[in-house]
């Protein structure tokens, strides 16, 4: 029979996985306490949370919730970054910290129920923030609308100029 502490950890993992957009698995072994605190702060500012759980219990929780199998990366020391907000911001916080500190390793994770590799997490981190993407889309839509308005306005104004020239010719 499992002990009470492991059962509590299982329930905590399930609660953390509820409504999560993505979960990154990282190896923070070798970081000092100060570096781990800096990492936690940058992750928290990005709208995510970092927690350390046992790999075996995480595997069982993923299986019970019928989520993606991550046995290949759940080896050795692991910390878990749970993203409920902007996934790109959380990925950027982790990858930027990993660039500055070579002791941190991004192993992989899951996003929207599918397995993602460390390279895919780096690609997600290179995306611009959500607000910038939305502004780019709004600008593209605005440009199309402006072009359409100019085109539609050009027909009557061209007709008016042609009629004015015809009226000027008749008057002369």
N, C-alpha and C. Protein backbone atom coordinates (compact mmCIF):
# COMPACT_ATOMS: atom_id res chain seq x y z
N UNK A 1 0.84 -1.18 0.00
CA UNK A 1 0.00 0.00 0.00
C UNK A 1 0.89 1.24 0.00
N UNK A 2 0.56 2.23 -0.85
CA UNK A 2 1.37 3.45 -0.91
C UNK A 2 1.25 4.26 0.38
N UNK A 3 2.34 4.97 0.70
CA UNK A 3 2.28 5.76 1.93
C UNK A 3 1.52 7.06 1.70
N UNK A 4 1.14 7.69 2.78
CA UNK A 4 0.30 8.89 2.73
C UNK A 4 1.01 10.05 2.03
N UNK A 5 2.32 10.14 2.21
CA UNK A 5 3.08 11.24 1.59
C UNK A 5 3.05 11.13 0.06
N UNK A 6 3.22 9.90 -0.45
CA UNK A 6 3.16 9.70 -1.89
C UNK A 6 1.75 9.94 -2.44
N UNK A 7 0.74 9.56 -1.68
CA UNK A 7 -0.64 9.82 -2.11
C UNK A 7 -0.93 11.31 -2.17
N UNK A 8 -0.41 12.06 -1.20
CA UNK A 8 -0.56 13.52 -1.21
C UNK A 8 0.15 14.12 -2.41
N UNK A 9 1.35 13.60 -2.72
CA UNK A 9 2.10 14.09 -3.87
C UNK A 9 1.35 13.79 -5.16
N UNK A 10 0.74 12.61 -5.25
CA UNK A 10 -0.04 12.24 -6.43
C UNK A 10 -1.21 13.20 -6.63
N UNK A 11 -1.91 13.52 -5.56
CA UNK A 11 -3.03 14.46 -5.64
C UNK A 11 -2.55 15.86 -6.02
N UNK A 12 -1.40 16.25 -5.50
CA UNK A 12 -0.84 17.55 -5.82
C UNK A 12 -0.45 17.63 -7.30
N UNK A 13 0.13 16.56 -7.82
CA UNK A 13 0.49 16.51 -9.25
C UNK A 13 -0.76 16.61 -10.10
N UNK A 14 -1.78 15.86 -9.75
CA UNK A 14 -3.03 15.90 -10.52
C UNK A 14 -3.65 17.29 -10.50
N UNK A 15 -3.58 17.95 -9.36
CA UNK A 15 -4.11 19.31 -9.25
C UNK A 15 -3.30 20.27 -10.13
N UNK A 16 -1.97 20.10 -10.14
CA UNK A 16 -1.13 20.96 -10.97
C UNK A 16 -1.36 20.72 -12.46
N UNK A 17 -1.68 19.49 -12.83
CA UNK A 17 -1.90 19.16 -14.25
C UNK A 17 -3.28 19.59 -14.74
N UNK A 18 -4.20 19.88 -13.83
CA UNK A 18 -5.54 20.33 -14.22
C UNK A 18 -5.46 21.72 -14.87
N UNK A 19 -5.95 21.83 -16.07
CA UNK A 19 -6.02 23.12 -16.75
C UNK A 19 -4.69 23.70 -17.17
N UNK A 20 -3.65 22.87 -17.22
CA UNK A 20 -2.33 23.36 -17.60
C UNK A 20 -2.22 23.37 -19.14
N UNK A 21 -1.63 24.43 -19.68
CA UNK A 21 -1.43 24.52 -21.13
C UNK A 21 -0.20 23.74 -21.56
N UNK A 22 0.83 23.76 -20.70
CA UNK A 22 2.07 23.07 -21.01
C UNK A 22 2.78 22.73 -19.71
N UNK A 23 3.67 21.74 -19.82
CA UNK A 23 4.52 21.38 -18.68
C UNK A 23 5.91 21.06 -19.23
N UNK A 24 6.90 21.76 -18.74
CA UNK A 24 8.29 21.52 -19.16
C UNK A 24 8.99 20.73 -18.06
N UNK A 25 9.82 19.79 -18.47
CA UNK A 25 10.63 19.01 -17.53
C UNK A 25 12.07 19.52 -17.65
N UNK A 26 12.64 19.93 -16.52
CA UNK A 26 14.00 20.46 -16.53
C UNK A 26 14.85 19.74 -15.49
N UNK A 27 16.15 19.78 -15.70
CA UNK A 27 17.11 19.24 -14.73
C UNK A 27 17.87 20.41 -14.15
N UNK A 28 17.58 20.76 -12.92
CA UNK A 28 18.21 21.90 -12.25
C UNK A 28 19.29 21.45 -11.28
N UNK A 29 19.76 20.22 -11.43
CA UNK A 29 20.78 19.69 -10.54
C UNK A 29 22.08 20.47 -10.73
N UNK A 30 22.69 20.84 -9.65
CA UNK A 30 23.94 21.58 -9.72
C UNK A 30 23.78 23.08 -9.54
N UNK A 31 22.54 23.56 -9.54
CA UNK A 31 22.30 24.98 -9.33
C UNK A 31 22.39 25.29 -7.84
N UNK A 32 22.87 26.46 -7.53
CA UNK A 32 22.89 26.89 -6.14
C UNK A 32 21.49 27.30 -5.72
N UNK A 33 21.29 27.47 -4.43
CA UNK A 33 19.99 27.88 -3.92
C UNK A 33 19.61 29.25 -4.50
N UNK A 34 20.57 30.14 -4.59
CA UNK A 34 20.31 31.48 -5.14
C UNK A 34 19.91 31.38 -6.61
N UNK A 35 20.57 30.53 -7.38
CA UNK A 35 20.24 30.36 -8.80
C UNK A 35 18.85 29.75 -8.97
N UNK A 36 18.51 28.78 -8.13
CA UNK A 36 17.18 28.18 -8.19
C UNK A 36 16.12 29.22 -7.87
N UNK A 37 16.40 30.07 -6.90
CA UNK A 37 15.44 31.12 -6.54
C UNK A 37 15.28 32.11 -7.69
N UNK A 38 16.37 32.46 -8.38
CA UNK A 38 16.28 33.34 -9.55
C UNK A 38 15.45 32.68 -10.65
N UNK A 39 15.69 31.38 -10.86
CA UNK A 39 14.92 30.64 -11.86
C UNK A 39 13.44 30.63 -11.51
N UNK A 40 13.11 30.33 -10.27
CA UNK A 40 11.71 30.33 -9.83
C UNK A 40 11.06 31.70 -10.03
N UNK A 41 11.80 32.76 -9.71
CA UNK A 41 11.25 34.12 -9.87
C UNK A 41 10.98 34.44 -11.34
N UNK A 42 11.91 34.09 -12.22
CA UNK A 42 11.70 34.38 -13.64
C UNK A 42 10.55 33.56 -14.21
N UNK A 43 10.41 32.32 -13.73
CA UNK A 43 9.30 31.48 -14.17
C UNK A 43 7.98 32.04 -13.63
N UNK A 44 7.98 32.48 -12.39
CA UNK A 44 6.76 33.05 -11.79
C UNK A 44 6.34 34.31 -12.51
N UNK A 45 7.31 35.16 -12.90
CA UNK A 45 7.00 36.39 -13.64
C UNK A 45 6.39 36.08 -15.00
N UNK A 46 6.72 34.91 -15.56
CA UNK A 46 6.18 34.51 -16.86
C UNK A 46 4.80 33.85 -16.72
N UNK A 47 4.29 33.75 -15.50
CA UNK A 47 2.96 33.19 -15.30
C UNK A 47 2.95 31.68 -15.17
N UNK A 48 4.05 31.11 -14.71
CA UNK A 48 4.15 29.66 -14.53
C UNK A 48 4.66 29.37 -13.13
N UNK A 49 4.76 28.09 -12.81
CA UNK A 49 5.24 27.69 -11.48
C UNK A 49 6.15 26.47 -11.63
N UNK A 50 7.19 26.41 -10.82
CA UNK A 50 8.13 25.29 -10.84
C UNK A 50 8.00 24.50 -9.55
N UNK A 51 7.90 23.18 -9.70
CA UNK A 51 7.77 22.29 -8.55
C UNK A 51 8.62 21.05 -8.80
N UNK A 52 9.12 20.45 -7.73
CA UNK A 52 9.89 19.21 -7.82
C UNK A 52 9.02 18.07 -7.30
N UNK A 53 8.89 17.03 -8.12
CA UNK A 53 8.15 15.83 -7.75
C UNK A 53 9.00 14.61 -8.07
N UNK A 54 8.63 13.48 -7.51
CA UNK A 54 9.30 12.22 -7.83
C UNK A 54 8.88 11.79 -9.24
N UNK A 55 9.86 11.31 -10.01
CA UNK A 55 9.57 10.88 -11.38
C UNK A 55 8.57 9.73 -11.43
N UNK A 56 8.70 8.77 -10.52
CA UNK A 56 7.81 7.61 -10.54
C UNK A 56 6.36 8.01 -10.29
N UNK A 57 6.17 8.94 -9.38
CA UNK A 57 4.80 9.39 -9.09
C UNK A 57 4.26 10.23 -10.25
N UNK A 58 5.13 11.03 -10.89
CA UNK A 58 4.70 11.80 -12.06
C UNK A 58 4.28 10.85 -13.18
N UNK A 59 5.04 9.79 -13.40
CA UNK A 59 4.69 8.81 -14.43
C UNK A 59 3.31 8.20 -14.15
N UNK A 60 3.07 7.84 -12.89
CA UNK A 60 1.78 7.26 -12.52
C UNK A 60 0.64 8.26 -12.70
N UNK A 61 0.89 9.51 -12.33
CA UNK A 61 -0.15 10.54 -12.47
C UNK A 61 -0.47 10.78 -13.94
N UNK A 62 0.54 10.83 -14.78
CA UNK A 62 0.31 11.02 -16.21
C UNK A 62 -0.49 9.85 -16.79
N UNK A 63 -0.16 8.63 -16.33
CA UNK A 63 -0.88 7.45 -16.81
C UNK A 63 -2.33 7.47 -16.34
N UNK A 64 -2.56 7.83 -15.08
CA UNK A 64 -3.92 7.86 -14.54
C UNK A 64 -4.78 8.92 -15.23
N UNK A 65 -4.16 10.05 -15.59
CA UNK A 65 -4.90 11.12 -16.25
C UNK A 65 -4.96 10.92 -17.76
N UNK A 66 -4.37 9.81 -18.24
CA UNK A 66 -4.35 9.46 -19.66
C UNK A 66 -3.70 10.57 -20.49
N UNK A 67 -2.57 11.08 -19.99
CA UNK A 67 -1.81 12.10 -20.71
C UNK A 67 -0.62 11.44 -21.41
N UNK A 68 0.17 12.24 -22.08
CA UNK A 68 1.28 11.75 -22.88
C UNK A 68 2.31 11.00 -22.03
N UNK A 69 2.90 9.96 -22.61
CA UNK A 69 3.93 9.17 -21.95
C UNK A 69 5.27 9.91 -22.07
N UNK A 70 5.87 10.26 -20.94
CA UNK A 70 7.14 10.98 -20.94
C UNK A 70 8.23 10.18 -20.22
N UNK A 71 8.13 8.86 -20.26
CA UNK A 71 9.10 8.02 -19.56
C UNK A 71 10.53 8.27 -20.03
N UNK A 72 10.71 8.64 -21.30
CA UNK A 72 12.06 8.83 -21.84
C UNK A 72 12.79 10.01 -21.21
N UNK A 73 12.07 11.01 -20.73
CA UNK A 73 12.73 12.17 -20.12
C UNK A 73 12.59 12.21 -18.60
N UNK A 74 11.79 11.32 -18.04
CA UNK A 74 11.61 11.29 -16.59
C UNK A 74 12.65 10.36 -15.95
N UNK A 75 13.89 10.68 -16.19
CA UNK A 75 15.02 9.95 -15.62
C UNK A 75 15.92 10.95 -14.93
N UNK A 76 16.47 10.58 -13.80
CA UNK A 76 17.37 11.48 -13.07
C UNK A 76 16.62 12.60 -12.40
N UNK A 77 17.35 13.59 -11.89
CA UNK A 77 16.70 14.70 -11.19
C UNK A 77 15.82 15.52 -12.14
N UNK A 78 14.61 15.79 -11.72
CA UNK A 78 13.67 16.54 -12.57
C UNK A 78 12.90 17.56 -11.75
N UNK A 79 12.68 18.69 -12.37
CA UNK A 79 11.78 19.71 -11.84
C UNK A 79 10.75 19.97 -12.94
N UNK A 80 9.57 20.39 -12.56
CA UNK A 80 8.47 20.53 -13.51
C UNK A 80 7.97 21.97 -13.51
N UNK A 81 7.87 22.54 -14.70
CA UNK A 81 7.37 23.90 -14.87
C UNK A 81 5.96 23.79 -15.45
N UNK A 82 4.98 24.22 -14.68
CA UNK A 82 3.58 24.16 -15.09
C UNK A 82 3.15 25.52 -15.62
N UNK A 83 2.74 25.57 -16.89
CA UNK A 83 2.34 26.82 -17.54
C UNK A 83 0.83 26.86 -17.70
N UNK A 84 0.19 27.80 -17.06
CA UNK A 84 -1.26 27.95 -17.22
C UNK A 84 -1.59 29.18 -18.06
N UNK A 85 -0.63 30.05 -18.27
CA UNK A 85 -0.86 31.27 -19.04
C UNK A 85 -0.17 31.20 -20.39
N UNK A 86 0.67 32.19 -20.66
CA UNK A 86 1.38 32.31 -21.92
C UNK A 86 2.52 31.28 -21.97
N UNK A 87 2.36 30.29 -22.81
CA UNK A 87 3.34 29.20 -22.91
C UNK A 87 4.67 29.71 -23.43
N UNK A 88 4.63 30.62 -24.40
CA UNK A 88 5.88 31.14 -24.98
C UNK A 88 6.69 31.90 -23.93
N UNK A 89 6.02 32.65 -23.07
CA UNK A 89 6.73 33.41 -22.03
C UNK A 89 7.41 32.48 -21.04
N UNK A 90 6.73 31.41 -20.66
CA UNK A 90 7.32 30.44 -19.73
C UNK A 90 8.49 29.71 -20.39
N UNK A 91 8.34 29.33 -21.65
CA UNK A 91 9.43 28.67 -22.36
C UNK A 91 10.62 29.60 -22.51
N UNK A 92 10.34 30.87 -22.76
CA UNK A 92 11.41 31.86 -22.90
C UNK A 92 12.15 32.04 -21.57
N UNK A 93 11.43 32.08 -20.47
CA UNK A 93 12.07 32.24 -19.16
C UNK A 93 13.01 31.08 -18.87
N UNK A 94 12.58 29.86 -19.17
CA UNK A 94 13.40 28.68 -18.91
C UNK A 94 14.61 28.63 -19.84
N UNK A 95 14.39 28.84 -21.14
CA UNK A 95 15.49 28.73 -22.10
C UNK A 95 16.51 29.85 -21.93
N UNK A 96 16.06 31.06 -21.60
CA UNK A 96 17.02 32.14 -21.37
C UNK A 96 17.87 31.87 -20.13
N UNK A 97 17.25 31.32 -19.10
CA UNK A 97 18.03 30.98 -17.91
C UNK A 97 19.02 29.86 -18.23
N UNK A 98 18.60 28.91 -19.07
CA UNK A 98 19.48 27.80 -19.46
C UNK A 98 20.66 28.30 -20.29
N UNK A 99 20.45 29.34 -21.10
CA UNK A 99 21.56 29.92 -21.88
C UNK A 99 22.58 30.58 -20.97
N UNK A 100 22.08 31.26 -19.94
CA UNK A 100 22.97 31.96 -19.00
C UNK A 100 23.67 30.99 -18.06
N UNK A 101 23.00 29.89 -17.72
CA UNK A 101 23.52 28.96 -16.74
C UNK A 101 23.54 27.56 -17.35
N UNK A 102 24.71 27.08 -17.69
CA UNK A 102 24.86 25.80 -18.40
C UNK A 102 24.50 24.59 -17.54
N UNK A 103 24.31 24.77 -16.24
CA UNK A 103 23.95 23.65 -15.37
C UNK A 103 22.49 23.24 -15.55
N UNK A 104 21.66 24.15 -16.07
CA UNK A 104 20.24 23.86 -16.26
C UNK A 104 20.05 23.19 -17.62
N UNK A 105 19.33 22.09 -17.62
CA UNK A 105 19.05 21.35 -18.86
C UNK A 105 17.55 21.24 -19.04
N UNK A 106 17.08 21.62 -20.21
CA UNK A 106 15.67 21.44 -20.56
C UNK A 106 15.55 20.07 -21.21
N UNK A 107 14.77 19.19 -20.62
CA UNK A 107 14.65 17.82 -21.10
C UNK A 107 13.57 17.66 -22.16
N UNK A 108 12.47 18.37 -22.00
CA UNK A 108 11.32 18.24 -22.89
C UNK A 108 10.06 18.53 -22.10
N UNK A 109 8.95 17.99 -22.55
CA UNK A 109 7.71 18.20 -21.81
C UNK A 109 6.49 17.87 -22.64
N UNK A 110 5.39 18.51 -22.29
CA UNK A 110 4.16 18.31 -23.04
C UNK A 110 3.45 19.65 -23.21
N UNK A 111 2.75 19.75 -24.33
CA UNK A 111 1.97 20.94 -24.61
C UNK A 111 0.70 20.51 -25.31
N UNK A 112 -0.42 20.91 -24.78
CA UNK A 112 -1.74 20.55 -25.33
C UNK A 112 -1.88 19.03 -25.51
N UNK A 113 -1.34 18.28 -24.56
CA UNK A 113 -1.50 16.84 -24.56
C UNK A 113 -0.53 16.07 -25.45
N UNK A 114 0.41 16.75 -26.09
CA UNK A 114 1.39 16.07 -26.94
C UNK A 114 2.79 16.29 -26.41
N UNK A 115 3.67 15.33 -26.68
CA UNK A 115 5.05 15.39 -26.23
C UNK A 115 5.82 16.42 -27.05
N UNK A 116 6.63 17.24 -26.39
CA UNK A 116 7.51 18.19 -27.09
C UNK A 116 8.94 17.97 -26.61
N UNK A 117 9.87 18.11 -27.54
CA UNK A 117 11.29 17.94 -27.23
C UNK A 117 11.87 19.26 -26.75
N UNK A 118 13.10 19.21 -26.28
CA UNK A 118 13.79 20.42 -25.83
C UNK A 118 13.97 21.40 -26.99
N UNK A 119 14.21 20.89 -28.19
CA UNK A 119 14.36 21.76 -29.37
C UNK A 119 13.05 22.47 -29.69
N UNK A 120 11.94 21.77 -29.54
CA UNK A 120 10.63 22.40 -29.79
C UNK A 120 10.33 23.46 -28.74
N UNK A 121 10.75 23.23 -27.51
CA UNK A 121 10.56 24.24 -26.47
C UNK A 121 11.38 25.48 -26.80
N UNK A 122 12.61 25.29 -27.31
CA UNK A 122 13.43 26.43 -27.72
C UNK A 122 12.77 27.19 -28.88
N UNK A 123 12.14 26.46 -29.80
CA UNK A 123 11.44 27.11 -30.91
C UNK A 123 10.24 27.91 -30.40
N UNK A 124 9.52 27.36 -29.44
CA UNK A 124 8.38 28.07 -28.84
C UNK A 124 8.87 29.32 -28.14
N UNK A 125 10.03 29.23 -27.48
CA UNK A 125 10.58 30.38 -26.77
C UNK A 125 11.00 31.50 -27.72
N UNK A 126 11.31 31.14 -28.96
CA UNK A 126 11.75 32.17 -29.91
C UNK A 126 10.57 32.94 -30.53
N UNK A 127 9.35 32.48 -30.26
CA UNK A 127 8.18 33.20 -30.76
C UNK A 127 8.04 34.54 -30.05
N UNK A 128 7.53 35.56 -30.76
CA UNK A 128 7.27 36.82 -30.06
C UNK A 128 6.13 36.66 -29.07
N UNK A 129 6.02 37.57 -28.12
CA UNK A 129 4.93 37.49 -27.14
C UNK A 129 3.56 37.56 -27.82
N UNK A 130 2.56 37.07 -27.12
CA UNK A 130 1.19 37.00 -27.64
C UNK A 130 0.70 38.36 -28.10
N UNK A 131 1.01 39.41 -27.32
CA UNK A 131 0.54 40.75 -27.66
C UNK A 131 1.13 41.22 -28.99
N UNK A 132 2.41 40.91 -29.23
CA UNK A 132 3.07 41.31 -30.48
C UNK A 132 2.44 40.57 -31.66
N UNK A 133 2.19 39.27 -31.50
CA UNK A 133 1.55 38.50 -32.56
C UNK A 133 0.17 39.04 -32.89
N UNK A 134 -0.59 39.38 -31.85
CA UNK A 134 -1.93 39.93 -32.08
C UNK A 134 -1.85 41.29 -32.78
N UNK A 135 -0.85 42.10 -32.43
CA UNK A 135 -0.67 43.39 -33.09
C UNK A 135 -0.29 43.20 -34.55
N UNK A 136 0.55 42.20 -34.85
CA UNK A 136 0.92 41.93 -36.23
C UNK A 136 -0.29 41.49 -37.05
N UNK A 137 -1.13 40.65 -36.47
CA UNK A 137 -2.34 40.19 -37.16
C UNK A 137 -3.29 41.37 -37.38
N UNK A 138 -3.45 42.21 -36.35
CA UNK A 138 -4.33 43.38 -36.49
C UNK A 138 -3.79 44.33 -37.58
N UNK A 139 -2.49 44.50 -37.64
CA UNK A 139 -1.88 45.35 -38.67
C UNK A 139 -2.11 44.79 -40.06
N UNK A 140 -2.00 43.47 -40.20
CA UNK A 140 -2.24 42.84 -41.51
C UNK A 140 -3.70 43.00 -41.93
N UNK A 141 -4.60 42.81 -40.99
CA UNK A 141 -6.03 42.97 -41.30
C UNK A 141 -6.33 44.43 -41.64
N UNK A 142 -5.74 45.34 -40.89
CA UNK A 142 -5.94 46.77 -41.14
C UNK A 142 -5.44 47.15 -42.53
N UNK A 143 -4.29 46.60 -42.92
CA UNK A 143 -3.72 46.91 -44.24
C UNK A 143 -4.63 46.43 -45.36
N UNK A 144 -5.18 45.26 -45.22
CA UNK A 144 -6.11 44.73 -46.22
C UNK A 144 -7.36 45.59 -46.28
N UNK A 145 -7.89 45.95 -45.11
CA UNK A 145 -9.11 46.77 -45.07
C UNK A 145 -8.85 48.15 -45.68
N UNK A 146 -7.68 48.73 -45.40
CA UNK A 146 -7.35 50.04 -45.95
C UNK A 146 -7.24 49.96 -47.48
N UNK A 147 -6.59 48.90 -47.98
CA UNK A 147 -6.46 48.72 -49.43
C UNK A 147 -7.82 48.55 -50.10
N UNK A 148 -8.69 47.79 -49.45
CA UNK A 148 -10.03 47.59 -49.98
C UNK A 148 -10.80 48.91 -50.00
N UNK A 149 -10.69 49.71 -48.95
CA UNK A 149 -11.39 50.99 -48.88
C UNK A 149 -10.89 51.94 -49.97
N UNK A 150 -9.58 51.98 -50.19
CA UNK A 150 -9.01 52.84 -51.24
C UNK A 150 -9.51 52.38 -52.61
N UNK A 151 -9.53 51.08 -52.82
CA UNK A 151 -9.99 50.53 -54.10
C UNK A 151 -11.46 50.86 -54.35
N UNK A 152 -12.28 50.65 -53.32
CA UNK A 152 -13.71 50.92 -53.46
C UNK A 152 -13.94 52.42 -53.65
N UNK A 153 -13.19 53.24 -52.96
CA UNK A 153 -13.33 54.69 -53.08
C UNK A 153 -12.81 55.19 -54.44
N UNK A 154 -11.89 54.45 -55.04
CA UNK A 154 -11.31 54.87 -56.32
C UNK A 154 -12.31 54.84 -57.45
N UNK A 155 -13.25 53.94 -57.45
CA UNK A 155 -14.23 53.82 -58.54
C UNK A 155 -15.12 55.06 -58.62
N UNK A 156 -15.78 55.46 -57.53
CA UNK A 156 -16.64 56.65 -57.66
C UNK A 156 -15.84 57.94 -57.91
N UNK A 157 -14.65 58.06 -57.30
CA UNK A 157 -13.89 59.28 -57.52
C UNK A 157 -13.36 59.34 -58.94
N UNK A 158 -13.00 58.19 -59.53
CA UNK A 158 -12.59 58.16 -60.94
C UNK A 158 -13.74 58.53 -61.84
N UNK A 159 -14.92 58.04 -61.53
CA UNK A 159 -16.12 58.37 -62.31
C UNK A 159 -16.43 59.86 -62.20
N UNK A 160 -16.28 60.41 -61.00
CA UNK A 160 -16.55 61.85 -60.80
C UNK A 160 -15.55 62.68 -61.59
N UNK A 161 -14.28 62.29 -61.62
CA UNK A 161 -13.28 63.04 -62.41
C UNK A 161 -13.57 62.96 -63.90
N UNK A 162 -13.97 61.78 -64.35
CA UNK A 162 -14.29 61.62 -65.77
C UNK A 162 -15.49 62.47 -66.14
N UNK A 163 -16.50 62.51 -65.30
CA UNK A 163 -17.68 63.35 -65.57
C UNK A 163 -17.33 64.83 -65.54
N UNK A 164 -16.44 65.23 -64.62
CA UNK A 164 -16.02 66.63 -64.54
C UNK A 164 -15.26 67.03 -65.81
N UNK A 165 -14.36 66.13 -66.28
CA UNK A 165 -13.62 66.42 -67.51
C UNK A 165 -14.57 66.52 -68.68
N UNK A 166 -15.56 65.65 -68.77
CA UNK A 166 -16.56 65.68 -69.83
C UNK A 166 -17.37 66.98 -69.76
N UNK A 167 -17.73 67.40 -68.56
CA UNK A 167 -18.48 68.65 -68.39
C UNK A 167 -17.61 69.83 -68.79
N UNK A 168 -16.32 69.81 -68.46
CA UNK A 168 -15.41 70.90 -68.85
C UNK A 168 -15.25 70.97 -70.36
N UNK A 169 -15.17 69.83 -71.03
CA UNK A 169 -15.05 69.79 -72.47
C UNK A 169 -16.30 70.34 -73.15
N UNK A 170 -17.46 70.00 -72.65
CA UNK A 170 -18.72 70.45 -73.22
C UNK A 170 -18.89 71.97 -73.01
N UNK A 171 -18.41 72.45 -71.87
CA UNK A 171 -18.52 73.88 -71.59
C UNK A 171 -17.60 74.68 -72.48
N UNK A 172 -16.48 74.12 -72.88
CA UNK A 172 -15.50 74.84 -73.71
C UNK A 172 -15.90 74.77 -75.12
